[in-house]
Amino acid sequence: MQAVRQDPLLGSSETFNSFLRRAQQETQQVPTEEVSLEVLLSNGQKVLVSVLTSDQTEDVLEAVAAKLDLPDDLIGYFSLFLVREKEDGAFSFVRKLQEFELPYVSVTSLRSQEYKIVLRKSYWDSAYDDDVMENRVGLNLLYAQTVSDIERGWILVTKEQHRQLKSLQEKVSKKEFLRLAQTLRHYGYLRFDACVADFPEKDCPVVVSAGNSELSLQLRLPGQQLREGSFRVTRMRCWRVTSSVPLPSGGTSSPGRGRGEVRLELAFEYLMSKDRLQWVTITSPQAIMMSICLQSMVDELMVKKSGGSIRKMLRRRVGGTLRRSDSQQAVKSPPLLESPDASRESMVKLSSKLSAVSLRGIGSPSTDASASDVHGNFAFEGIGDEDL
C-alpha cells in the first residue's frame, strides 16, 4: 500500500489564513460572539443567518446554503461578494470575499449601509448550469439571478427574445427560460461600472463586462452608435493591476476626484494578430475585481482543459463544520419581466480581427512594473494563420 503524503503547503496555507483572520478581527477590535448577518440574493431577497463574528467566508456561505436548503455538493458553485448598493438599487461589485475574510467584520467595518453581501454563482461556463439545475433550490437561484440580470440590462435581449422569455415565465417553465437565456449575449457575465479605457482611443468611456472567457468593452465613439469589442482571455499573455495617486493640477482637486484618491488600472498584453502583442489599459476603481475575474476564468479553463472536475476545483475545505438551521427559507420567484427599455440600443460588434483597431501602447511590464505585479496566463494561446 502506497503511503499518502500530505502536502506541507496545505498546512502552511491554513496557518496563514488563520493568521489573517485573527489579524482582521483584532484590527477591528471585534469580540467573538454570535450575530445576525444579512445576505442578499441577486434579486434583492434578504437571507438572515446566525453566524459568529469570527466565521470565515466559507462558514457564512455554508450557513446561507443551509438556510436555503442548498445541497452540500452545490455550495462551491456559489460565492459571496461585497457590493455597494447605488441610489437606483443596482449593485456595484467591490470584490469577491476571500477565504480568510470574516464577512461580518468586512461589511460592518465599512460603517455604511450602502455595502452589502450578495450571493451569486461563482463559475463562468454555462455548461456547469446543468449541475446546479438538477436541484430545485439551485434552479431557483439561477433563475432569480438571470431574471435580475435581464432587468438590469446586463444580458442583451431583443424584443422578440424578451417576448419569448416572458411567455416562459408565465408558464413557470424555469428550465426552458434558462435554456433560452443561455443563448443570449452576456448571459452569466458580471458587469462593472462605467469607466475609461485606451481602446480604441485614449480616454474612451466604456462599460466592461466579464464572462464566457472574455472581457467585453461597450463603447460609443463620437457620432457613432453603441459598439462592442471583445478580448478573449486565451489571447491575453499577461495582465497587471497598478495603483497611483495622481497629483491635482494647481494644487486643487479635480472635479469628481478627491485629493489623494487612488487611481487603479488593469492593463493586459493582448495578441492582436500573429506576432503582434499590444497593451490595453482600463482605468477603473474595480480594476482589482476585474483581475480576480480574469484569474478565475483562467483557472476554470485550465481545469476543463486538463479534464478535471469543477466539483473538485470548488471542493470545500476538509473538516469544515456546517451548522444546519431548523427553518429553511425558500427562494422567492421574481416578478414577470417588464417591457424592454426603449432607450437600450442594439450594439454593433467591432471587427473580431482586433488588429484593425489602433490601440495605444503603454510600455512593457519590464519598464514600469515589477515581475511580481504581472499575472502570467497559462491559458494563453497563439494565433495561427487560419485565425487572421
Protein backbone atom coordinates (compact mmCIF):
# COMPACT_ATOMS: atom_id res chain seq x y z
CA MET A 1 0.00 0.00 0.00
CA GLN A 2 1.39 3.36 -1.00
CA ALA A 3 1.66 5.89 1.77
CA VAL A 4 -0.31 9.10 1.31
CA ARG A 5 1.93 12.13 1.50
CA GLN A 6 0.42 15.29 2.85
CA ASP A 7 1.32 18.47 1.02
CA PRO A 8 3.09 20.74 3.54
CA LEU A 9 1.71 23.78 1.68
CA LEU A 10 -1.82 22.87 2.76
CA GLY A 11 -0.90 23.21 6.41
CA SER A 12 1.02 26.42 5.89
CA SER A 13 -1.85 27.88 3.87
CA GLU A 14 -4.33 27.11 6.63
CA THR A 15 -1.96 28.64 9.21
CA PHE A 16 -1.59 31.78 7.07
CA ASN A 17 -5.37 32.10 6.64
CA SER A 18 -5.81 31.68 10.40
CA PHE A 19 -3.28 34.46 10.97
CA LEU A 20 -5.09 36.79 8.57
CA ARG A 21 -8.42 36.00 10.19
CA ARG A 22 -7.12 36.86 13.67
CA ALA A 23 -5.42 39.99 12.34
CA GLN A 24 -8.64 41.24 10.75
CA GLN A 25 -10.64 40.58 13.92
CA GLU A 26 -8.08 42.17 16.23
CA THR A 27 -7.57 45.21 13.99
CA GLN A 28 -11.28 45.97 14.08
CA GLN A 29 -11.44 45.03 17.78
CA VAL A 30 -14.46 42.80 17.29
CA PRO A 31 -15.09 40.22 20.05
CA THR A 32 -16.16 36.71 19.08
CA GLU A 33 -19.91 36.45 19.52
CA GLU A 34 -22.99 35.22 17.72
CA VAL A 35 -24.63 37.79 15.44
CA SER A 36 -27.20 38.01 12.69
CA LEU A 37 -25.84 38.72 9.22
CA GLU A 38 -27.92 39.77 6.23
CA VAL A 39 -27.01 38.25 2.86
CA LEU A 40 -28.84 39.28 -0.30
CA LEU A 41 -29.71 37.16 -3.30
CA SER A 42 -29.31 38.63 -6.80
CA ASN A 43 -32.99 39.59 -6.88
CA GLY A 44 -32.70 41.58 -3.65
CA GLN A 45 -34.25 38.91 -1.42
CA LYS A 46 -32.80 39.00 2.09
CA VAL A 47 -31.49 35.91 3.87
CA LEU A 48 -30.76 36.39 7.57
CA VAL A 49 -28.27 33.90 9.04
CA SER A 50 -26.89 33.42 12.53
CA VAL A 51 -23.06 33.35 12.47
CA LEU A 52 -20.09 34.12 14.67
CA THR A 53 -18.15 37.33 14.14
CA SER A 54 -15.07 35.09 13.71
CA ASP A 55 -16.66 32.96 10.97
CA GLN A 56 -14.76 32.93 7.69
CA THR A 57 -16.32 33.35 4.26
CA GLU A 58 -16.88 29.63 3.78
CA ASP A 59 -18.59 29.32 7.15
CA VAL A 60 -21.03 32.08 6.23
CA LEU A 61 -21.57 30.60 2.76
CA GLU A 62 -22.43 27.26 4.36
CA ALA A 63 -24.86 28.97 6.75
CA VAL A 64 -26.64 30.66 3.82
CA ALA A 65 -26.78 27.37 1.92
CA ALA A 66 -28.24 25.64 4.98
CA LYS A 67 -30.90 28.35 5.34
CA LEU A 68 -31.87 27.93 1.67
CA ASP A 69 -31.57 24.12 1.85
CA LEU A 70 -28.96 24.09 -0.93
CA PRO A 71 -27.18 20.69 -1.01
CA ASP A 72 -23.60 20.49 0.26
CA ASP A 73 -22.18 19.44 -3.14
CA LEU A 74 -23.53 22.62 -4.77
CA ILE A 75 -22.18 25.11 -2.23
CA GLY A 76 -18.94 25.53 -4.18
CA TYR A 77 -20.84 26.72 -7.24
CA PHE A 78 -21.73 29.93 -5.42
CA SER A 79 -19.70 32.69 -3.76
CA LEU A 80 -20.22 35.72 -1.56
CA PHE A 81 -19.48 39.16 -2.99
CA LEU A 82 -19.09 42.52 -1.29
CA VAL A 83 -21.15 45.08 -3.20
CA ARG A 84 -22.13 48.72 -2.88
CA GLU A 85 -25.80 49.46 -3.41
CA LYS A 86 -26.25 52.58 -5.54
CA GLU A 87 -29.12 55.06 -5.36
CA ASP A 88 -31.04 53.31 -8.16
CA GLY A 89 -30.84 49.99 -6.29
CA ALA A 90 -28.23 48.48 -8.63
CA PHE A 91 -25.19 46.69 -7.22
CA SER A 92 -21.63 47.83 -7.86
CA PHE A 93 -19.33 44.86 -7.21
CA VAL A 94 -16.40 45.68 -4.92
CA ARG A 95 -14.79 42.25 -4.65
CA LYS A 96 -15.32 38.56 -4.11
CA LEU A 97 -14.91 37.74 -0.42
CA GLN A 98 -11.74 35.71 0.08
CA GLU A 99 -11.47 32.51 2.10
CA PHE A 100 -9.61 34.10 5.02
CA GLU A 101 -12.01 37.06 5.34
CA LEU A 102 -14.54 37.49 8.11
CA PRO A 103 -17.65 38.67 6.20
CA TYR A 104 -19.33 40.20 9.25
CA VAL A 105 -16.20 42.21 10.09
CA SER A 106 -15.61 43.16 6.45
CA VAL A 107 -19.05 44.64 5.90
CA THR A 108 -19.56 46.28 9.31
CA SER A 109 -16.09 47.88 9.38
CA LEU A 110 -17.08 49.97 6.33
CA ARG A 111 -19.66 51.72 8.55
CA SER A 112 -22.08 52.39 5.70
CA GLN A 113 -25.47 50.94 4.86
CA GLU A 114 -24.52 51.08 1.18
CA TYR A 115 -22.31 47.99 1.49
CA LYS A 116 -23.97 44.58 1.33
CA ILE A 117 -23.05 40.94 0.90
CA VAL A 118 -24.59 39.18 -2.13
CA LEU A 119 -24.77 35.51 -3.07
CA ARG A 120 -24.06 34.84 -6.75
CA LYS A 121 -22.87 31.90 -8.84
CA SER A 122 -19.08 31.67 -8.96
CA TYR A 123 -18.39 29.93 -12.29
CA TRP A 124 -18.31 31.21 -15.87
CA ASP A 125 -19.01 28.26 -18.19
CA SER A 126 -22.78 27.89 -18.63
CA ALA A 127 -22.27 24.14 -19.17
CA TYR A 128 -21.99 23.85 -15.39
CA ASP A 129 -25.53 25.18 -15.07
CA ASP A 130 -26.70 21.60 -15.65
CA ASP A 131 -25.21 20.50 -12.31
CA VAL A 132 -26.96 23.30 -10.44
CA MET A 133 -30.29 22.97 -12.28
CA GLU A 134 -30.66 19.36 -11.15
CA ASN A 135 -31.60 20.69 -7.73
CA ARG A 136 -34.75 22.71 -7.05
CA VAL A 137 -33.00 25.33 -4.89
CA GLY A 138 -30.08 25.63 -7.32
CA LEU A 139 -32.53 26.08 -10.19
CA ASN A 140 -34.38 28.82 -8.32
CA LEU A 141 -31.14 30.67 -7.53
CA LEU A 142 -30.00 30.62 -11.17
CA TYR A 143 -33.46 31.66 -12.35
CA ALA A 144 -33.69 34.59 -9.91
CA GLN A 145 -30.19 35.77 -10.85
CA THR A 146 -30.92 35.57 -14.59
CA VAL A 147 -34.19 37.49 -14.34
CA SER A 148 -32.41 40.16 -12.30
CA ASP A 149 -29.56 40.42 -14.84
CA ILE A 150 -32.06 40.84 -17.69
CA GLU A 151 -33.94 43.56 -15.82
CA ARG A 152 -30.67 45.43 -15.19
CA GLY A 153 -29.73 45.26 -18.85
CA TRP A 154 -26.70 43.08 -18.15
CA ILE A 155 -27.98 40.40 -20.53
CA LEU A 156 -28.68 41.73 -24.03
CA VAL A 157 -32.19 40.87 -25.20
CA THR A 158 -34.13 41.72 -28.37
CA LYS A 159 -37.85 42.48 -28.25
CA GLU A 160 -38.69 39.06 -29.68
CA GLN A 161 -36.43 37.26 -27.21
CA HIS A 162 -37.97 39.30 -24.40
CA ARG A 163 -41.44 38.19 -25.51
CA GLN A 164 -40.37 34.54 -25.53
CA LEU A 165 -38.80 34.82 -22.09
CA LYS A 166 -41.89 36.43 -20.61
CA SER A 167 -44.05 33.68 -22.12
CA LEU A 168 -41.88 31.03 -20.44
CA GLN A 169 -42.14 32.96 -17.17
CA GLU A 170 -45.91 32.93 -17.37
CA LYS A 171 -45.81 29.15 -17.88
CA VAL A 172 -43.39 28.83 -14.92
CA SER A 173 -41.01 26.96 -17.23
CA LYS A 174 -37.83 27.86 -15.38
CA LYS A 175 -35.51 25.37 -17.08
CA GLU A 176 -36.72 26.36 -20.54
CA PHE A 177 -36.33 30.01 -19.54
CA LEU A 178 -32.70 29.39 -18.56
CA ARG A 179 -32.02 27.37 -21.73
CA LEU A 180 -33.14 30.32 -23.84
CA ALA A 181 -31.24 32.78 -21.64
CA GLN A 182 -28.04 30.76 -22.13
CA THR A 183 -28.13 31.63 -25.84
CA LEU A 184 -28.27 35.38 -25.17
CA ARG A 185 -25.30 37.72 -25.36
CA HIS A 186 -23.70 38.40 -21.95
CA TYR A 187 -25.54 35.60 -20.16
CA GLY A 188 -23.74 34.95 -16.87
CA TYR A 189 -21.49 37.99 -17.25
CA LEU A 190 -20.53 40.29 -14.40
CA ARG A 191 -20.94 43.93 -15.34
CA PHE A 192 -18.84 46.77 -13.94
CA ASP A 193 -19.47 50.48 -13.56
CA ALA A 194 -18.74 52.85 -16.43
CA CYS A 195 -15.01 53.62 -16.65
CA VAL A 196 -12.29 54.68 -19.10
CA ALA A 197 -10.00 52.70 -21.44
CA ASP A 198 -7.43 53.42 -24.10
CA PHE A 199 -9.43 51.26 -26.52
CA PRO A 200 -9.90 52.11 -29.33
CA GLU A 201 -8.57 55.58 -28.47
CA LYS A 202 -7.25 57.40 -25.42
CA ASP A 203 -9.71 58.24 -22.60
CA CYS A 204 -12.57 56.33 -24.24
CA PRO A 205 -15.64 55.89 -21.97
CA VAL A 206 -16.52 52.18 -21.77
CA VAL A 207 -18.62 49.68 -19.84
CA VAL A 208 -16.74 46.46 -19.07
CA SER A 209 -18.37 43.05 -18.61
CA ALA A 210 -16.61 39.79 -17.72
CA GLY A 211 -17.80 36.36 -18.75
CA ASN A 212 -17.56 33.49 -21.24
CA SER A 213 -13.74 33.64 -21.09
CA GLU A 214 -13.56 37.25 -22.24
CA LEU A 215 -13.68 40.91 -21.28
CA SER A 216 -16.30 42.81 -23.26
CA LEU A 217 -16.00 46.58 -23.74
CA GLN A 218 -19.10 48.51 -24.77
CA LEU A 219 -18.37 51.98 -26.07
CA ARG A 220 -19.79 54.83 -28.10
CA LEU A 221 -17.43 56.64 -30.44
CA PRO A 222 -18.26 60.25 -31.42
CA GLY A 223 -21.07 60.30 -33.97
CA GLN A 224 -21.48 56.50 -33.92
CA GLN A 225 -23.90 54.06 -32.35
CA LEU A 226 -23.09 51.78 -29.43
CA ARG A 227 -20.35 49.29 -30.23
CA GLU A 228 -18.74 46.32 -28.53
CA GLY A 229 -15.25 44.85 -28.60
CA SER A 230 -14.27 41.55 -27.01
CA PHE A 231 -10.92 40.42 -25.62
CA ARG A 232 -10.54 36.66 -25.11
CA VAL A 233 -8.58 35.62 -22.03
CA THR A 234 -6.79 32.96 -24.09
CA ARG A 235 -5.14 35.78 -26.07
CA MET A 236 -4.03 37.73 -23.00
CA ARG A 237 -0.39 36.84 -22.42
CA CYS A 238 -0.38 38.50 -19.01
CA TRP A 239 -2.02 41.29 -17.05
CA ARG A 240 -1.31 43.51 -14.06
CA VAL A 241 -3.08 45.92 -11.71
CA THR A 242 -1.30 49.14 -10.82
CA SER A 243 -2.23 51.96 -8.46
CA SER A 244 -1.17 55.57 -8.33
CA VAL A 245 -2.19 58.81 -6.66
CA PRO A 246 -2.49 61.50 -9.33
CA LEU A 247 -1.38 64.97 -8.36
CA PRO A 248 -4.15 67.52 -8.94
CA SER A 249 -3.18 70.38 -11.22
CA GLY A 250 -2.64 73.72 -9.47
CA GLY A 251 -2.75 72.04 -6.08
CA THR A 252 -6.55 71.64 -6.17
CA SER A 253 -8.69 68.56 -6.55
CA SER A 254 -10.13 67.91 -9.98
CA PRO A 255 -13.93 67.53 -10.36
CA GLY A 256 -15.14 64.10 -9.33
CA ARG A 257 -11.75 63.09 -7.91
CA GLY A 258 -10.74 63.90 -4.37
CA ARG A 259 -7.21 64.85 -3.46
CA GLY A 260 -5.11 61.76 -2.80
CA GLU A 261 -7.69 59.38 -4.31
CA VAL A 262 -6.07 56.17 -5.54
CA ARG A 263 -6.24 55.54 -9.28
CA LEU A 264 -6.41 51.84 -10.25
CA GLU A 265 -5.58 50.46 -13.68
CA LEU A 266 -5.92 46.99 -15.18
CA ALA A 267 -3.55 46.50 -18.11
CA PHE A 268 -3.30 43.33 -20.20
CA GLU A 269 -0.98 42.37 -23.05
CA TYR A 270 -3.16 41.14 -25.91
CA LEU A 271 -2.29 39.11 -29.01
CA MET A 272 -3.88 41.30 -31.68
CA SER A 273 -2.56 39.24 -34.57
CA LYS A 274 0.20 36.79 -35.28
CA ASP A 275 3.48 38.11 -33.80
CA ARG A 276 1.81 41.32 -32.58
CA LEU A 277 1.26 41.85 -28.86
CA GLN A 278 -0.03 45.13 -27.53
CA TRP A 279 -1.08 46.50 -24.15
CA VAL A 280 -4.63 47.67 -23.39
CA THR A 281 -5.41 49.66 -20.24
CA ILE A 282 -8.67 50.03 -18.32
CA THR A 283 -8.84 52.68 -15.59
CA SER A 284 -11.46 51.74 -13.01
CA PRO A 285 -11.93 51.60 -9.22
CA GLN A 286 -12.98 47.98 -9.86
CA ALA A 287 -9.68 47.01 -11.54
CA ILE A 288 -8.83 44.51 -8.79
CA MET A 289 -12.21 42.83 -9.16
CA MET A 290 -11.66 42.63 -12.93
CA SER A 291 -8.28 40.98 -12.33
CA ILE A 292 -9.86 38.44 -9.97
CA CYS A 293 -12.44 37.62 -12.66
CA LEU A 294 -9.68 37.09 -15.24
CA GLN A 295 -7.80 34.76 -12.89
CA SER A 296 -10.90 32.70 -12.07
CA MET A 297 -11.75 32.35 -15.78
CA VAL A 298 -8.22 31.14 -16.49
CA ASP A 299 -8.37 28.69 -13.57
CA GLU A 300 -11.65 27.30 -14.86
CA LEU A 301 -10.28 26.94 -18.41
CA MET A 302 -7.22 25.07 -17.14
CA VAL A 303 -9.34 22.66 -15.08
CA LYS A 304 -11.53 21.95 -18.09
CA LYS A 305 -8.52 21.58 -20.41
CA SER A 306 -6.90 19.04 -18.09
CA GLY A 307 -10.12 17.02 -17.91
CA GLY A 308 -10.62 17.84 -14.24
CA SER A 309 -13.91 18.31 -12.46
CA ILE A 310 -15.25 21.67 -11.39
CA ARG A 311 -16.67 19.89 -8.34
CA LYS A 312 -13.10 19.11 -7.28
CA MET A 313 -11.95 22.60 -8.22
CA LEU A 314 -14.65 24.08 -6.00
CA ARG A 315 -14.35 21.50 -3.22
CA ARG A 316 -14.78 22.82 0.28
CA ARG A 317 -12.06 22.62 2.89
CA VAL A 318 -11.67 19.34 4.71
CA GLY A 319 -13.06 19.20 8.22
CA GLY A 320 -15.35 22.20 7.81
CA THR A 321 -18.33 22.39 10.13
CA LEU A 322 -21.83 23.03 8.88
CA ARG A 323 -24.47 24.47 11.17
CA ARG A 324 -27.86 23.48 9.84
CA SER A 325 -30.75 25.82 10.50
CA ASP A 326 -34.00 24.43 11.79
CA SER A 327 -36.03 26.56 9.39
CA GLN A 328 -35.30 26.76 5.68
CA GLN A 329 -36.04 29.78 3.55
CA ALA A 330 -37.41 29.46 0.02
CA VAL A 331 -36.03 31.44 -2.88
CA LYS A 332 -38.84 33.73 -3.99
CA SER A 333 -39.81 33.78 -7.66
CA PRO A 334 -39.12 37.18 -9.22
CA PRO A 335 -41.95 39.15 -10.88
CA LEU A 336 -42.57 38.92 -14.61
CA LEU A 337 -40.14 40.77 -16.82
CA GLU A 338 -41.08 44.34 -17.56
CA SER A 339 -41.23 45.66 -21.11
CA PRO A 340 -37.75 46.28 -22.51
CA ASP A 341 -36.37 49.78 -22.13
CA ALA A 342 -36.70 51.60 -25.43
CA SER A 343 -33.57 53.59 -24.63
CA ARG A 344 -31.41 50.48 -24.82
CA GLU A 345 -29.85 50.32 -28.25
CA SER A 346 -28.58 47.32 -30.14
CA MET A 347 -24.81 47.15 -30.43
CA VAL A 348 -22.65 46.77 -33.47
CA LYS A 349 -19.79 44.34 -33.00
CA LEU A 350 -16.39 45.81 -33.64
CA SER A 351 -14.21 43.83 -36.02
CA SER A 352 -13.28 40.50 -34.50
CA LYS A 353 -9.89 41.00 -36.11
CA LEU A 354 -8.69 43.45 -33.49
CA SER A 355 -5.54 44.02 -35.49
CA ALA A 356 -7.58 46.55 -37.46
CA VAL A 357 -8.13 48.63 -34.32
CA SER A 358 -5.48 51.17 -33.41
CA LEU A 359 -4.57 50.83 -29.75
CA ARG A 360 -2.25 52.97 -27.69
CA GLY A 361 0.72 51.09 -26.25
CA ILE A 362 1.69 51.73 -22.63
CA GLY A 363 5.11 50.12 -22.40
CA SER A 364 6.18 46.66 -21.35
CA PRO A 365 5.99 45.32 -17.79
CA SER A 366 9.76 45.30 -17.54
CA THR A 367 9.86 49.09 -17.84
CA ASP A 368 7.11 50.17 -15.46
CA ALA A 369 6.14 47.27 -13.24
CA SER A 370 7.98 44.63 -11.28
CA ALA A 371 7.71 41.00 -12.33
CA SER A 372 5.72 40.18 -9.21
CA ASP A 373 2.98 42.59 -10.32
CA VAL A 374 2.37 40.71 -13.59
CA HIS A 375 -0.02 37.74 -13.73
CA GLY A 376 1.16 35.18 -16.28
CA ASN A 377 -1.59 33.40 -18.19
CA PHE A 378 -1.21 29.63 -18.57
CA ALA A 379 -4.30 29.55 -20.81
CA PHE A 380 -2.61 31.87 -23.33
CA GLU A 381 -2.88 30.54 -26.90
CA GLY A 382 -1.13 31.64 -30.07
CA ILE A 383 -2.87 32.64 -33.28
CA GLY A 384 -2.37 30.63 -36.42
CA ASP A 385 -2.63 31.82 -39.99
CA GLU A 386 -6.19 30.49 -40.15
CA ASP A 387 -7.23 32.99 -37.44
CA LEU A 388 -6.05 36.03 -39.38
